Protein backbone atom coordinates (compact mmCIF):
# COMPACT_ATOMS: atom_id res chain seq x y z
CA MET A 1 103.44 67.54 171.70
CA ILE A 2 103.69 71.56 171.80
CA SER A 3 104.34 71.64 167.85
CA GLY A 4 100.53 70.08 167.77
CA LYS A 5 99.10 72.58 170.18
CA VAL A 6 100.70 75.66 167.96
CA LYS A 7 99.34 74.30 164.86
CA LYS A 8 95.40 74.03 166.38
CA PHE A 9 96.21 77.26 167.78
CA SER A 10 97.48 78.91 164.51
CA PHE A 11 94.27 77.33 162.80
CA VAL A 12 91.69 79.04 165.33
CA ILE A 13 93.78 82.23 165.21
CA LEU A 14 93.05 81.88 161.24
CA VAL A 15 89.72 81.02 160.99
CA LEU A 16 89.27 84.43 163.39
CA ILE A 17 90.79 86.43 161.00
CA VAL A 18 88.89 85.07 158.29
CA LEU A 19 85.64 85.34 160.12
CA ILE A 20 86.57 89.11 161.03
CA SER A 21 87.42 89.70 157.56
CA LEU A 22 83.86 88.60 156.41
CA ILE A 23 81.98 90.68 159.03
CA GLY A 24 83.81 93.68 158.33
CA SER A 25 82.83 93.47 154.87
CA ALA A 26 79.43 92.99 155.29
CA TYR A 27 79.03 95.62 157.84
CA GLY A 28 80.62 97.62 155.55
CA ALA A 29 77.66 97.89 153.31
CA GLY A 30 74.73 100.62 152.87
CA LEU A 31 72.44 102.18 150.73
CA ARG A 32 70.45 105.31 150.89
CA ALA A 33 67.60 106.44 148.86
CA SER A 34 65.53 109.89 147.83
CA PRO A 35 63.39 111.45 148.33
CA PRO A 36 61.44 109.06 150.79
CA GLU A 37 57.98 109.57 150.18
CA PHE A 38 55.74 110.16 147.10
CA LYS A 39 52.21 111.84 147.28
CA TYR A 40 50.11 112.32 144.09
CA ASN A 41 46.43 113.41 143.75
CA LEU A 42 45.03 111.70 140.64
CA THR A 43 42.13 111.67 138.55
CA SER A 44 41.04 108.92 136.56
CA SER A 45 43.52 106.96 134.23
CA GLN A 46 45.76 110.03 134.77
CA THR A 47 49.40 108.66 134.69
CA VAL A 48 52.45 110.27 136.72
CA THR A 49 56.17 109.80 136.97
CA GLY A 50 58.92 109.63 139.63
CA GLN A 51 62.48 109.01 140.18
CA VAL A 52 64.32 107.96 143.14
CA THR A 53 68.47 108.22 143.40
CA VAL A 54 69.80 104.82 144.96
CA THR A 55 73.00 105.44 146.27
CA ASN A 56 75.58 102.80 147.63
CA ILE A 57 77.25 104.59 150.66
CA GLY A 58 79.12 101.48 151.89
CA ASP A 59 82.48 100.17 150.72
CA VAL A 60 81.49 96.88 148.76
CA PRO A 61 79.36 96.73 145.52
CA MET A 62 75.94 95.83 146.22
CA ASN A 63 73.33 93.82 143.97
CA VAL A 64 69.96 95.89 144.29
CA THR A 65 66.41 94.56 143.25
CA VAL A 66 63.57 96.98 143.46
CA ASN A 67 59.85 95.45 144.01
CA LYS A 68 56.65 97.61 143.47
CA LYS A 69 54.06 96.91 146.40
CA ARG A 70 51.09 97.62 148.34
CA LEU A 71 51.91 98.55 151.93
CA LEU A 72 50.07 97.02 154.59
CA MET A 73 51.17 98.43 158.21
CA ASP A 74 49.92 98.77 161.30
CA SER A 75 51.10 99.36 164.92
CA ILE A 76 52.54 95.55 165.25
CA HIS A 77 52.78 94.36 161.20
CA LEU A 78 54.70 95.39 157.95
CA LEU A 79 53.38 93.27 155.17
CA TYR A 80 53.30 93.70 151.59
CA SER A 81 50.68 92.66 148.91
CA ASP A 82 50.81 92.67 145.32
CA GLY A 83 47.09 93.85 144.64
CA GLY A 84 45.96 97.20 144.63
CA ILE A 85 48.07 100.27 143.55
CA ALA A 86 50.90 97.95 143.15
CA THR A 87 48.93 97.13 139.79
CA TRP A 88 49.00 100.74 138.88
CA ILE A 89 53.02 101.31 139.35
CA SER A 90 55.54 100.16 136.87
CA VAL A 91 59.49 100.37 138.00
CA ASN A 92 62.88 100.37 135.70
CA PRO A 93 64.87 99.35 136.46
CA THR A 94 64.05 96.05 138.82
CA ASN A 95 67.76 94.87 139.13
CA PHE A 96 71.19 96.35 139.29
CA THR A 97 74.77 96.38 140.58
CA LEU A 98 76.02 99.30 142.19
CA ALA A 99 80.09 100.24 142.83
CA PRO A 100 80.74 101.73 146.28
CA GLY A 101 79.95 105.36 145.70
CA ALA A 102 77.71 104.81 142.42
CA SER A 103 74.01 105.90 142.17
CA LYS A 104 71.16 105.01 139.78
CA VAL A 105 68.04 106.53 138.98
CA VAL A 106 65.36 104.44 139.18
CA SER A 107 62.06 105.41 137.27
CA PHE A 108 58.50 104.49 138.20
CA THR A 109 55.12 105.19 136.47
CA VAL A 110 51.88 105.51 138.57
CA LYS A 111 48.37 105.10 136.19
CA ALA A 112 45.15 105.36 138.14
CA PRO A 113 42.17 103.00 136.97
CA SER A 114 39.64 104.22 134.68
CA THR A 115 37.34 103.05 137.25
CA ILE A 116 38.23 103.84 140.87
CA ASN A 117 36.72 102.52 144.13
CA TYR A 118 38.93 104.38 146.82
CA SER A 119 39.77 107.68 147.15
CA ASP A 120 43.34 106.65 149.24
CA ALA A 121 46.03 104.37 147.99
CA GLU A 122 49.17 103.49 149.84
CA GLY A 123 51.97 101.77 147.89
CA ALA A 124 55.83 101.44 147.86
CA LEU A 125 59.05 100.74 146.21
CA ILE A 126 60.76 98.04 148.23
CA ILE A 127 64.58 98.77 147.46
CA GLY A 128 66.66 95.47 148.90
CA GLY A 129 70.52 95.28 148.86
CA LEU A 130 72.90 92.59 149.19
CA PRO A 131 76.55 92.73 149.14
CA ILE A 132 78.70 91.08 146.31
CA GLN A 133 81.31 88.69 148.23
CA SER A 134 84.38 88.68 146.38
CA GLN A 135 85.78 85.04 146.08
CA ASN A 136 89.60 84.42 146.93
CA ASN A 137 90.72 81.94 144.54
CA ASN A 138 93.86 81.19 146.25
CA ASN A 139 92.14 79.95 149.61
CA SER A 140 90.16 77.52 148.85
CA THR A 141 89.23 75.93 152.18
CA PHE A 142 87.46 79.35 152.98
CA SER A 143 86.03 80.41 149.31
CA SER A 144 82.43 79.28 150.01
CA LEU A 145 82.47 80.77 153.50
CA ALA A 146 80.36 84.21 153.13
CA ILE A 147 78.55 86.41 155.85
CA LYS A 148 75.76 88.86 154.20
CA GLN A 149 73.69 91.69 155.64
CA GLY A 150 70.85 92.60 153.40
CA ILE A 151 69.36 95.73 153.46
CA GLU A 152 65.90 96.91 152.61
CA LEU A 153 64.74 100.37 152.01
CA VAL A 154 61.03 101.19 151.57
CA ILE A 155 59.84 103.93 149.65
CA LYS A 156 56.06 105.09 149.80
CA ILE A 157 53.58 106.03 146.77
CA ILE A 158 50.67 107.38 148.18
CA ALA A 159 48.08 108.31 145.69
CA GLY A 160 44.98 110.01 146.01
CA LEU A 161 42.05 109.25 143.91
CA PRO A 162 38.67 111.25 143.44
CA GLY A 163 36.61 108.27 144.38
CA PRO A 164 33.24 108.99 146.71
CA ILE A 165 34.52 109.69 150.16
CA ILE A 166 33.19 107.18 152.80
CA GLU A 167 34.76 107.20 156.28
CA SER A 168 34.57 103.99 158.00
CA ILE A 169 35.90 101.19 159.98
CA GLN A 170 34.69 98.42 161.53
CA MET A 171 35.88 95.94 164.89
CA LEU A 172 36.26 92.83 163.61
CA GLN A 173 37.69 91.70 166.97
CA HIS A 174 39.20 92.84 169.98
CA SER A 175 40.92 91.30 173.36
CA ALA A 176 41.35 92.71 176.97
CA PRO A 177 42.74 91.30 179.98
CA THR A 178 39.96 90.01 182.56
CA ILE A 179 42.04 89.61 186.03
CA LEU A 180 45.44 91.44 186.52
CA LEU A 181 48.18 91.64 189.56
CA SER A 182 50.19 94.68 190.59
CA TYR A 183 52.77 95.47 188.39
CA MET A 184 51.25 93.15 185.75
CA PRO A 185 51.03 94.64 182.54
CA GLY A 186 47.79 93.80 180.58
CA ASP A 187 47.67 94.20 176.87
CA PHE A 188 44.26 95.39 174.71
CA THR A 189 44.48 94.61 171.07
CA TYR A 190 41.80 95.82 168.57
CA GLN A 191 41.55 94.04 165.33
CA LEU A 192 39.70 97.00 162.81
CA ASN A 193 39.22 96.61 159.07
CA ASN A 194 38.67 99.76 156.92
CA ASN A 195 35.91 98.99 154.95
CA GLY A 196 35.45 102.69 153.83
CA THR A 197 37.16 104.21 150.66
CA VAL A 198 39.38 106.82 152.58
CA VAL A 199 42.35 106.32 154.86
CA ALA A 200 41.08 106.41 158.51
CA ASN A 201 43.27 108.53 160.85
CA MET A 202 42.18 107.39 164.47
CA ASN A 203 42.40 108.71 168.08
CA GLY A 204 41.23 108.14 171.05
CA SER A 205 41.81 106.44 174.48
CA ILE A 206 41.00 103.57 177.25
CA GLU A 207 39.25 105.45 179.96
CA ILE A 208 40.36 102.63 182.70
CA ASN A 209 38.01 103.61 186.16
CA GLY A 210 38.21 102.05 189.54
CA LEU A 211 36.80 102.93 193.05
CA LEU A 212 39.62 104.91 194.35
CA SER A 213 41.65 105.88 190.72
CA LYS A 214 41.27 106.75 187.31
CA HIS A 215 43.92 105.80 184.45
CA ASN A 216 43.71 106.91 180.60
CA VAL A 217 45.80 105.19 178.09
CA PRO A 218 46.08 107.03 174.51
CA ILE A 219 45.49 104.85 171.27
CA ASN A 220 46.27 106.25 167.44
CA GLY A 221 46.77 104.70 164.19
CA SER A 222 45.68 104.85 160.32
CA VAL A 223 44.25 101.93 158.43
CA TYR A 224 43.89 102.27 154.74
CA PRO A 225 41.06 101.15 152.51
CA GLU A 226 40.56 97.32 152.42
CA ASP A 227 43.46 97.19 155.12
CA ASN A 228 43.08 95.42 158.37
CA TYR A 229 45.04 97.17 161.76
CA THR A 230 45.97 95.54 164.91
CA LEU A 231 45.69 98.60 167.20
CA THR A 232 47.60 97.56 170.59
CA ALA A 233 48.19 99.60 174.29
CA GLN A 234 48.88 98.62 177.34
CA TRP A 235 48.08 99.24 180.93
CA THR A 236 49.67 98.24 184.20
CA PRO A 237 47.88 98.55 187.80
CA GLY A 238 49.75 100.21 190.20
CA PHE A 239 50.47 99.21 194.41
CA ALA A 240 47.52 101.38 195.00
CA ASP A 241 44.93 99.51 192.19
CA PHE A 242 42.73 96.86 193.38
CA GLY A 243 38.66 95.70 192.96
CA LEU A 244 36.91 95.93 189.72
CA TYR A 245 37.73 98.53 186.72
CA SER A 246 35.72 99.57 183.97
CA ALA A 247 37.88 99.87 180.17
CA ASP A 248 35.81 102.09 178.03
CA THR A 249 37.79 102.26 174.79
CA ASN A 250 36.79 105.32 172.42
CA ILE A 251 38.73 105.22 169.18
CA ASN A 252 37.36 108.52 167.05
CA TYR A 253 38.19 107.86 163.10
CA GLY A 254 37.95 110.16 159.85
CA ARG A 255 40.11 111.34 157.39
CA TYR A 256 40.89 114.89 158.32
CA GLN A 257 38.52 115.24 161.18
CA GLN A 258 38.22 112.56 163.85
CA ASP A 259 34.45 112.76 164.15
CA LYS A 260 33.26 109.25 163.96
CA LEU A 261 33.40 106.75 167.19
CA LEU A 262 33.95 103.28 167.82
CA GLN A 263 33.23 101.98 171.72
CA VAL A 264 34.05 98.92 173.30
CA HIS A 265 33.47 98.13 177.48
CA ASP A 266 35.57 95.96 179.34
CA THR A 267 35.84 94.72 183.14
CA ILE A 268 38.92 94.02 184.89
CA LEU A 269 39.64 92.67 188.03
CA VAL A 270 42.88 94.40 189.88
CA ILE A 271 44.43 91.87 192.65
CA PRO A 272 46.70 93.71 194.60
CA VAL A 273 49.74 91.55 195.63
CA TRP A 274 50.29 93.08 199.50
CA LEU A 275 46.05 91.51 199.85
CA ILE A 276 47.93 88.26 198.43
CA LEU A 277 50.56 88.42 200.93
CA ILE A 278 47.93 89.73 203.75
CA ILE A 279 45.59 86.67 202.71
CA ILE A 280 48.81 84.03 203.02
CA LEU A 281 50.07 85.45 206.04
CA ALA A 282 46.54 85.13 208.21
CA VAL A 283 46.30 81.31 206.57
CA ALA A 284 49.47 80.73 208.12
CA ILE A 285 48.61 82.15 211.06
CA TRP A 286 45.44 80.21 211.31
CA ILE A 287 47.00 76.87 210.41
CA ILE A 288 49.58 76.95 213.42
CA ARG A 289 46.98 78.26 215.91
CA LYS A 290 44.67 75.28 214.83
CA LYS A 291 47.00 72.51 214.89
CA GLU A 292 48.51 74.01 217.96
CA ILE A 293 52.03 73.79 216.46
CA GLN A 294 54.46 74.68 219.57
CA SER A 295 58.05 76.19 218.95
CA PRO A 296 60.68 73.54 218.41
CA ILE A 297 62.50 75.49 220.69
CA ASN A 298 62.23 74.52 224.61
CA ILE A 299 63.51 76.72 226.66
CA LYS A 300 64.35 75.26 230.86
CA ILE A 301 65.26 77.66 233.49
CA GLU A 302 66.35 75.70 236.96
CA ARG A 303 67.55 77.09 239.92
CA LYS A 304 70.56 75.81 241.75
CA LYS A 305 70.21 74.60 245.17
C-alpha cells in the first residue's frame, strides 16, 4: 500500500521535473534584430538595399524565418498583406538556424515600380524564431513532449515615393453609445480608409457637452494609402453627469500639417445612478402607501391594575 503511494508520488515528481525543464528551455529563447526601422525616399524604378543583423540572445538554438509583408496597423489590429510594397521587397536568406549567441546578416532589396500610384508605403520584414527542442533518446516516454515559445520581430521598411500628393481619408462607418449610466464606459469607433496617395496623420478630439458639464476626449493615429484604420476612443460619465449630451468628433488629418477635417455628430443620453435609486425608492414608498401595508411587528402596552 505504502510502496504504491510512493511510486505514484515519484511519478508525479518526475513529470513536474520534465515540465519545469521544458518550460525553462522555452523561456530561455530570445531574438534581437537591428536596426529596427528603415526609411527611403525613392524615385521611379530605383533600387535600394539594406541589412538587418539577427542575433540569438537566448540559450537554446533557434530556427529563424524571414518574411516580407505589407504592414497594416491601427489602434486595434496588426495585419499583414502580400500586396503593395511587399511585392517590391526581396530578402535573403529566408530561413536559417542560429546557435546561442550567434548572429546572421539578412540582406534585402527594395525596388520601386516604374508606375507609382502613391507616395507613402509601409512594409516590414517579419522575423520569426522558434526554439529547436533537443530530444532525449534515453527517455522515450517524454521524447515527444515539447513546449515551445515563438518569437516575432517586426522591422519596418517605409518608402517615400515621388508620386502625386493627395491627402484624403473617408469615414466608412462609425458607432457611438446612445445611452450610458454613471461610471459605465462608452466606446466610440471610427472605421476610416485612406483613399489618397500619402500617409494621413490624424489628431483631434471628441467634444462632449451637456447641460452642466463638458468633456474632451483626445484621439490620434496614422493610416497609410489604401489601408483601413479603426480609430477608437472611450468616455466614462461621472457621478454629476446626467441628461442629453452632444458628442462632436473632429478629426484633423494631413501628411505634415493636419489641416483637413472630418466631423461626426452623436447624441448621448446619460442616466445617473442616483436618479435610478431615487426612482426605485419613490416607487417602493408609493406601493407601500397604496396598499396600506402595516408593519408586521405590533407593540401593545397594557397597564397593570
